[in-house]
Amino acid sequence: MICIKVDVPKELNDIDDELKAIYHSKDTICFFVFKNKEQRDEFVGRTKGMLKVERETIYQEYLS
């Protein structure tokens, strides 16, 4: 296991883990937050193997 010490904002920490999808690259960690677990699971399935930019485009669909 690799842990990186950071100050996680309370607002992010308070969100149920089942509503977050977390991805990272060599210099960024992204938290995608959803209204329900079904949306999160669908997003994870749809974006498997995509790059960050592609994931961000798909995520826009979930914001409306």
Protein backbone atom coordinates (compact mmCIF):
# COMPACT_ATOMS: atom_id res chain seq x y z
CA MET A 1 0.00 0.00 0.00
CA ILE A 2 1.18 3.51 -0.79
CA CYS A 3 -0.21 6.43 1.21
CA ILE A 4 0.30 10.11 0.47
CA LYS A 5 -0.36 12.49 3.35
CA VAL A 6 -2.68 15.34 2.33
CA ASP A 7 -5.22 17.63 3.95
CA VAL A 8 -8.51 16.35 2.55
CA PRO A 9 -11.26 18.98 2.74
CA LYS A 10 -13.99 18.03 5.22
CA GLU A 11 -16.65 18.46 2.51
CA LEU A 12 -15.01 15.79 0.37
CA ASN A 13 -14.36 13.50 3.30
CA ASP A 14 -18.04 13.73 4.36
CA ILE A 15 -19.28 12.37 1.01
CA ASP A 16 -20.12 8.66 1.07
CA ASP A 17 -17.34 6.67 -0.62
CA GLU A 18 -19.90 4.86 -2.79
CA LEU A 19 -20.69 8.21 -4.45
CA LYS A 20 -17.08 8.97 -5.43
CA ALA A 21 -14.94 7.68 -8.27
CA ILE A 22 -11.25 8.38 -7.71
CA TYR A 23 -8.66 8.37 -10.48
CA HIS A 24 -5.05 9.49 -10.56
CA SER A 25 -2.26 10.23 -12.99
CA LYS A 26 1.38 11.01 -12.34
CA ASP A 27 0.56 14.52 -11.12
CA THR A 28 -3.19 14.68 -10.37
CA ILE A 29 -5.85 12.96 -8.29
CA CYS A 30 -9.46 13.49 -9.43
CA PHE A 31 -12.60 12.88 -7.39
CA PHE A 32 -15.77 12.52 -9.43
CA VAL A 33 -18.86 12.85 -7.20
CA PHE A 34 -22.30 11.49 -8.10
CA LYS A 35 -25.89 11.77 -6.85
CA ASN A 36 -26.24 8.01 -6.35
CA LYS A 37 -24.29 4.75 -6.46
CA GLU A 38 -25.89 3.68 -9.74
CA GLN A 39 -24.56 6.77 -11.54
CA ARG A 40 -21.11 6.20 -10.07
CA ASP A 41 -21.06 2.54 -11.12
CA GLU A 42 -22.26 3.41 -14.63
CA PHE A 43 -19.59 6.12 -14.96
CA VAL A 44 -16.84 3.75 -13.83
CA GLY A 45 -17.96 1.17 -16.40
CA ARG A 46 -18.30 3.69 -19.23
CA THR A 47 -14.94 5.34 -18.63
CA LYS A 48 -12.80 2.26 -18.03
CA GLY A 49 -9.46 2.76 -19.78
CA MET A 50 -10.14 6.40 -20.74
CA LEU A 51 -7.78 9.30 -20.25
CA LYS A 52 -8.59 12.14 -17.84
CA VAL A 53 -9.85 14.49 -20.56
CA GLU A 54 -12.21 11.83 -21.90
CA ARG A 55 -13.52 11.08 -18.39
CA GLU A 56 -14.14 14.78 -17.77
CA THR A 57 -16.23 14.99 -20.95
CA ILE A 58 -18.36 12.00 -19.93
CA TYR A 59 -18.71 13.40 -16.38
CA GLN A 60 -20.36 16.54 -17.75
CA GLU A 61 -23.36 14.37 -18.69
CA TYR A 62 -23.90 13.56 -15.00
CA LEU A 63 -23.95 17.18 -13.83
CA SER A 64 -27.35 18.03 -15.27
